[in-house]
Amino acid sequence: MPEKLTFLLGGARSGKSAHAERLITQFPAPWTYIATAQAYDDEMRERISIHRGRRGEGWRTLDAPLDLVGALGSVPDGEPVLVDCLTLWLTNHLLADHDVEAECAALVEVLSRPRGPWFVVSNEVGLGIVPDNALARRFRDDAGRLNQKVAAVAGEVLFLVAGLPMKVK
C-alpha cells in the first residue's frame, strides 16, 4: 500500500470527515480511526455517536485525545489510518496547559513519515473574525501554524467546502 499522508481541511460541517471516510475505504480493511474528541457534554456525545454510526464493519477505533503520536505508533505498518481531528487534539492540549509547540513538533515528525495511507482531518479556523479573548486567539494561531506544518509534509492537501473537495496540493 502507498505510504502517503492526505490532509483534509475545511470549516465546521464542511464534509471533511465523510470525505476522508470515503477515501480511506478505497483501501482494503481493516481501517483504523483515531478519535481525538472528548465527550464533555451531550452535544459532543451526539456528534461522536453520529461519526461512529457512519462507520460499519472493518473499522477499529482508537481514542487518543492527547497521545496521538502513541496511537499512530501502535498502528501496524501499511494499515490505513484516519485521524479525526487535529483541532480537537490541539484543544485538549491547550486546556491541559501542555507544551503545545513541543506536542505539535512531535506529531508533525511522525506525520512526515506515514507508514501507510494516512488521512488527517483538521478545521480551518482562520477564515472568520478575530476572536475576542486571548485563549481563542491562541487557539486560532496555534491551529493555523499546525495546519501549515502538516500541509508542508503531506503528499496531498484537500480543502472541503459544502462537501466538495478542492485539491490544494
C-alpha atoms as a PDB file:
ATOM      1  CA  MET A   1       0.000   0.000   0.000  1.00  0.00           C
ATOM      2  CA  PRO A   2       1.223   3.525  -0.671  1.00  0.00           C
ATOM      3  CA  GLU A   3       2.754   5.416   2.202  1.00  0.00           C
ATOM      4  CA  LYS A   4       1.158   8.810   1.802  1.00  0.00           C
ATOM      5  CA  LEU A   5      -0.365  11.468   4.031  1.00  0.00           C
ATOM      6  CA  THR A   6      -3.557  13.116   2.791  1.00  0.00           C
ATOM      7  CA  PHE A   7      -4.540  16.226   4.775  1.00  0.00           C
ATOM      8  CA  LEU A   8      -8.181  17.342   4.694  1.00  0.00           C
ATOM      9  CA  LEU A   9      -9.099  20.851   5.830  1.00  0.00           C
ATOM     10  CA  GLY A  10     -12.363  22.755   5.957  1.00  0.00           C
ATOM     11  CA  GLY A  11     -14.810  24.573   8.154  1.00  0.00           C
ATOM     12  CA  ALA A  12     -17.351  23.089  10.536  1.00  0.00           C
ATOM     13  CA  ARG A  13     -19.720  20.656   8.829  1.00  0.00           C
ATOM     14  CA  SER A  14     -17.898  21.045   5.519  1.00  0.00           C
ATOM     15  CA  GLY A  15     -17.830  17.289   4.838  1.00  0.00           C
ATOM     16  CA  LYS A  16     -14.192  16.676   5.824  1.00  0.00           C
ATOM     17  CA  SER A  17     -14.787  13.539   7.871  1.00  0.00           C
ATOM     18  CA  ALA A  18     -17.250  11.933   5.466  1.00  0.00           C
ATOM     19  CA  HIS A  19     -14.906  12.572   2.539  1.00  0.00           C
ATOM     20  CA  ALA A  20     -11.938  11.152   4.465  1.00  0.00           C
ATOM     21  CA  GLU A  21     -14.005   8.038   5.216  1.00  0.00           C
ATOM     22  CA  ARG A  22     -14.814   7.642   1.507  1.00  0.00           C
ATOM     23  CA  LEU A  23     -11.130   7.975   0.590  1.00  0.00           C
ATOM     24  CA  ILE A  24      -9.799   5.539   3.186  1.00  0.00           C
ATOM     25  CA  THR A  25     -12.323   2.831   2.308  1.00  0.00           C
ATOM     26  CA  GLN A  26     -10.835   2.661  -1.189  1.00  0.00           C
ATOM     27  CA  PHE A  27      -8.081   0.675   0.531  1.00  0.00           C
ATOM     28  CA  PRO A  28      -8.615  -2.819   1.947  1.00  0.00           C
ATOM     29  CA  ALA A  29      -9.803  -3.115   5.556  1.00  0.00           C
ATOM     30  CA  PRO A  30      -9.005  -3.044   8.374  1.00  0.00           C
ATOM     31  CA  TRP A  31      -9.090   0.724   8.777  1.00  0.00           C
ATOM     32  CA  THR A  32      -8.018   2.458  11.972  1.00  0.00           C
ATOM     33  CA  TYR A  33      -9.968   5.511  13.078  1.00  0.00           C
ATOM     34  CA  ILE A  34      -8.084   7.586  15.643  1.00  0.00           C
ATOM     35  CA  ALA A  35     -10.545   9.792  17.503  1.00  0.00           C
ATOM     36  CA  THR A  36      -9.292  12.847  19.366  1.00  0.00           C
ATOM     37  CA  ALA A  37     -12.648  14.096  20.696  1.00  0.00           C
ATOM     38  CA  GLN A  38     -13.587  14.020  24.348  1.00  0.00           C
ATOM     39  CA  ALA A  39     -17.288  13.885  25.237  1.00  0.00           C
ATOM     40  CA  TYR A  40     -17.618  16.807  27.632  1.00  0.00           C
ATOM     41  CA  ASP A  41     -21.350  17.354  27.061  1.00  0.00           C
ATOM     42  CA  ASP A  42     -24.459  15.874  25.424  1.00  0.00           C
ATOM     43  CA  GLU A  43     -23.921  17.687  22.132  1.00  0.00           C
ATOM     44  CA  MET A  44     -20.392  16.291  21.779  1.00  0.00           C
ATOM     45  CA  ARG A  45     -21.589  12.805  22.751  1.00  0.00           C
ATOM     46  CA  GLU A  46     -24.175  13.069  19.948  1.00  0.00           C
ATOM     47  CA  ARG A  47     -21.523  14.140  17.409  1.00  0.00           C
ATOM     48  CA  ILE A  48     -19.319  11.207  18.402  1.00  0.00           C
ATOM     49  CA  SER A  49     -22.283   8.843  18.094  1.00  0.00           C
ATOM     50  CA  ILE A  50     -23.085  10.121  14.589  1.00  0.00           C
ATOM     51  CA  HIS A  51     -19.483   9.633  13.476  1.00  0.00           C
ATOM     52  CA  ARG A  52     -19.347   6.099  14.921  1.00  0.00           C
ATOM     53  CA  GLY A  53     -22.689   5.213  13.351  1.00  0.00           C
ATOM     54  CA  ARG A  54     -21.467   6.216   9.900  1.00  0.00           C
ATOM     55  CA  ARG A  55     -18.670   3.648  10.025  1.00  0.00           C
ATOM     56  CA  GLY A  56     -19.511  -0.010   9.524  1.00  0.00           C
ATOM     57  CA  GLU A  57     -17.557  -3.232   9.805  1.00  0.00           C
ATOM     58  CA  GLY A  58     -13.837  -3.227   9.155  1.00  0.00           C
ATOM     59  CA  TRP A  59     -13.136  -0.255  11.413  1.00  0.00           C
ATOM     60  CA  ARG A  60     -11.303  -0.228  14.701  1.00  0.00           C
ATOM     61  CA  THR A  61     -11.332   2.911  16.807  1.00  0.00           C
ATOM     62  CA  LEU A  62      -8.508   4.194  18.973  1.00  0.00           C
ATOM     63  CA  ASP A  63      -9.250   7.052  21.362  1.00  0.00           C
ATOM     64  CA  ALA A  64      -6.325   9.463  21.507  1.00  0.00           C
ATOM     65  CA  PRO A  65      -7.404  12.791  22.976  1.00  0.00           C
ATOM     66  CA  LEU A  66      -3.785  13.543  23.932  1.00  0.00           C
ATOM     67  CA  ASP A  67      -1.381  10.778  22.831  1.00  0.00           C
ATOM     68  CA  LEU A  68      -1.863  10.926  19.084  1.00  0.00           C
ATOM     69  CA  VAL A  69       1.813  10.149  18.459  1.00  0.00           C
ATOM     70  CA  GLY A  70       1.497   6.961  20.523  1.00  0.00           C
ATOM     71  CA  ALA A  71      -1.733   5.955  18.799  1.00  0.00           C
ATOM     72  CA  LEU A  72      -0.166   6.389  15.353  1.00  0.00           C
ATOM     73  CA  GLY A  73       2.830   4.352  16.505  1.00  0.00           C
ATOM     74  CA  SER A  74       0.557   1.485  17.562  1.00  0.00           C
ATOM     75  CA  VAL A  75      -0.980   1.030  14.104  1.00  0.00           C
ATOM     76  CA  PRO A  76       0.555  -1.817  12.066  1.00  0.00           C
ATOM     77  CA  ASP A  77       2.668  -0.799   9.070  1.00  0.00           C
ATOM     78  CA  GLY A  78       0.613  -0.475   5.905  1.00  0.00           C
ATOM     79  CA  GLU A  79      -2.749  -0.172   7.657  1.00  0.00           C
ATOM     80  CA  PRO A  80      -4.914   2.746   6.511  1.00  0.00           C
ATOM     81  CA  VAL A  81      -5.416   5.369   9.229  1.00  0.00           C
ATOM     82  CA  LEU A  82      -7.892   8.222   9.635  1.00  0.00           C
ATOM     83  CA  VAL A  83      -7.174  10.840  12.325  1.00  0.00           C
ATOM     84  CA  ASP A  84     -10.189  12.984  13.197  1.00  0.00           C
ATOM     85  CA  CYS A  85      -9.330  15.688  14.090  1.00  0.00           C
ATOM     86  CA  LEU A  86      -6.224  17.772  14.794  1.00  0.00           C
ATOM     87  CA  THR A  87      -8.059  20.826  16.108  1.00  0.00           C
ATOM     88  CA  LEU A  88      -9.780  18.826  18.853  1.00  0.00           C
ATOM     89  CA  TRP A  89      -6.414  17.263  19.739  1.00  0.00           C
ATOM     90  CA  LEU A  90      -4.890  20.752  19.894  1.00  0.00           C
ATOM     91  CA  THR A  91      -7.770  21.974  22.084  1.00  0.00           C
ATOM     92  CA  ASN A  92      -7.181  19.090  24.502  1.00  0.00           C
ATOM     93  CA  HIS A  93      -3.513  20.062  24.867  1.00  0.00           C
ATOM     94  CA  LEU A  94      -4.296  23.763  25.287  1.00  0.00           C
ATOM     95  CA  LEU A  95      -6.854  23.045  28.011  1.00  0.00           C
ATOM     96  CA  ALA A  96      -4.388  20.712  29.762  1.00  0.00           C
ATOM     97  CA  ASP A  97      -1.785  23.513  29.630  1.00  0.00           C
ATOM     98  CA  HIS A  98       0.729  21.269  27.849  1.00  0.00           C
ATOM     99  CA  ASP A  99       3.699  22.448  25.795  1.00  0.00           C
ATOM    100  CA  VAL A 100       1.734  22.813  22.563  1.00  0.00           C
ATOM    101  CA  GLU A 101       4.759  23.679  20.451  1.00  0.00           C
ATOM    102  CA  ALA A 102       6.576  20.501  21.518  1.00  0.00           C
ATOM    103  CA  GLU A 103       3.462  18.332  21.079  1.00  0.00           C
ATOM    104  CA  CYS A 104       2.894  19.728  17.573  1.00  0.00           C
ATOM    105  CA  ALA A 105       6.550  19.255  16.599  1.00  0.00           C
ATOM    106  CA  ALA A 106       6.468  15.604  17.707  1.00  0.00           C
ATOM    107  CA  LEU A 107       3.248  14.998  15.795  1.00  0.00           C
ATOM    108  CA  VAL A 108       4.491  16.622  12.588  1.00  0.00           C
ATOM    109  CA  GLU A 109       7.647  14.495  12.785  1.00  0.00           C
ATOM    110  CA  VAL A 110       5.547  11.298  12.889  1.00  0.00           C
ATOM    111  CA  LEU A 111       3.200  12.533  10.148  1.00  0.00           C
ATOM    112  CA  SER A 112       6.179  13.272   7.905  1.00  0.00           C
ATOM    113  CA  ARG A 113       6.844   9.506   7.733  1.00  0.00           C
ATOM    114  CA  PRO A 114       3.473   7.808   7.138  1.00  0.00           C
ATOM    115  CA  ARG A 115       3.663   4.020   7.268  1.00  0.00           C
ATOM    116  CA  GLY A 116       0.643   3.509   5.029  1.00  0.00           C
ATOM    117  CA  PRO A 117      -2.197   5.528   3.572  1.00  0.00           C
ATOM    118  CA  TRP A 118      -2.888   8.071   6.309  1.00  0.00           C
ATOM    119  CA  PHE A 119      -5.716  10.603   6.247  1.00  0.00           C
ATOM    120  CA  VAL A 120      -5.718  13.503   8.707  1.00  0.00           C
ATOM    121  CA  VAL A 121      -8.661  15.874   9.235  1.00  0.00           C
ATOM    122  CA  SER A 122      -8.391  19.390  10.657  1.00  0.00           C
ATOM    123  CA  ASN A 123     -10.524  22.513  10.840  1.00  0.00           C
ATOM    124  CA  GLU A 124      -9.572  25.694   9.048  1.00  0.00           C
ATOM    125  CA  VAL A 125     -10.315  28.245  11.755  1.00  0.00           C
ATOM    126  CA  GLY A 126      -8.574  31.306  10.353  1.00  0.00           C
ATOM    127  CA  LEU A 127     -11.256  32.479   7.925  1.00  0.00           C
ATOM    128  CA  GLY A 128     -13.560  34.112  10.471  1.00  0.00           C
ATOM    129  CA  ILE A 129     -13.478  37.098  12.762  1.00  0.00           C
ATOM    130  CA  VAL A 130     -10.658  37.794  15.196  1.00  0.00           C
ATOM    131  CA  PRO A 131     -11.587  36.086  18.484  1.00  0.00           C
ATOM    132  CA  ASP A 132     -12.372  38.353  21.431  1.00  0.00           C
ATOM    133  CA  ASN A 133     -10.225  36.592  24.039  1.00  0.00           C
ATOM    134  CA  ALA A 134      -6.624  35.522  24.430  1.00  0.00           C
ATOM    135  CA  LEU A 135      -7.239  31.757  24.636  1.00  0.00           C
ATOM    136  CA  ALA A 136      -9.349  31.740  21.476  1.00  0.00           C
ATOM    137  CA  ARG A 137      -6.764  33.844  19.621  1.00  0.00           C
ATOM    138  CA  ARG A 138      -4.007  31.493  20.769  1.00  0.00           C
ATOM    139  CA  PHE A 139      -6.035  28.500  19.588  1.00  0.00           C
ATOM    140  CA  ARG A 140      -6.632  30.100  16.178  1.00  0.00           C
ATOM    141  CA  ASP A 141      -2.942  30.947  15.813  1.00  0.00           C
ATOM    142  CA  ASP A 142      -1.706  27.535  17.014  1.00  0.00           C
ATOM    143  CA  ALA A 143      -4.190  25.739  14.742  1.00  0.00           C
ATOM    144  CA  GLY A 144      -3.060  27.814  11.777  1.00  0.00           C
ATOM    145  CA  ARG A 145       0.601  27.049  12.442  1.00  0.00           C
ATOM    146  CA  LEU A 146      -0.097  23.328  12.948  1.00  0.00           C
ATOM    147  CA  ASN A 147      -2.135  23.144   9.736  1.00  0.00           C
ATOM    148  CA  GLN A 148       0.689  24.808   7.799  1.00  0.00           C
ATOM    149  CA  LYS A 149       3.254  22.343   9.136  1.00  0.00           C
ATOM    150  CA  VAL A 150       1.090  19.305   8.408  1.00  0.00           C
ATOM    151  CA  ALA A 151       0.284  20.601   4.914  1.00  0.00           C
ATOM    152  CA  ALA A 152       4.016  21.010   4.262  1.00  0.00           C
ATOM    153  CA  VAL A 153       4.704  17.305   4.952  1.00  0.00           C
ATOM    154  CA  ALA A 154       1.515  15.956   3.334  1.00  0.00           C
ATOM    155  CA  GLY A 155       1.589  14.369  -0.082  1.00  0.00           C
ATOM    156  CA  GLU A 156      -1.886  15.725  -0.820  1.00  0.00           C
ATOM    157  CA  VAL A 157      -3.968  18.524   0.724  1.00  0.00           C
ATOM    158  CA  LEU A 158      -7.711  18.887   0.144  1.00  0.00           C
ATOM    159  CA  PHE A 159      -9.914  21.808   1.219  1.00  0.00           C
ATOM    160  CA  LEU A 160     -13.602  20.984   1.592  1.00  0.00           C
ATOM    161  CA  VAL A 161     -16.480  23.408   1.106  1.00  0.00           C
ATOM    162  CA  ALA A 162     -20.132  22.272   1.159  1.00  0.00           C
ATOM    163  CA  GLY A 163     -18.997  18.657   0.863  1.00  0.00           C
ATOM    164  CA  LEU A 164     -16.925  19.358  -2.233  1.00  0.00           C
ATOM    165  CA  PRO A 165     -13.169  18.700  -2.150  1.00  0.00           C
ATOM    166  CA  MET A 166     -10.778  21.143  -3.780  1.00  0.00           C
ATOM    167  CA  LYS A 167      -7.212  20.000  -4.355  1.00  0.00           C
ATOM    168  CA  VAL A 168      -4.744  22.434  -2.785  1.00  0.00           C
ATOM    169  CA  LYS A 169      -1.598  20.330  -3.083  1.00  0.00           C
END
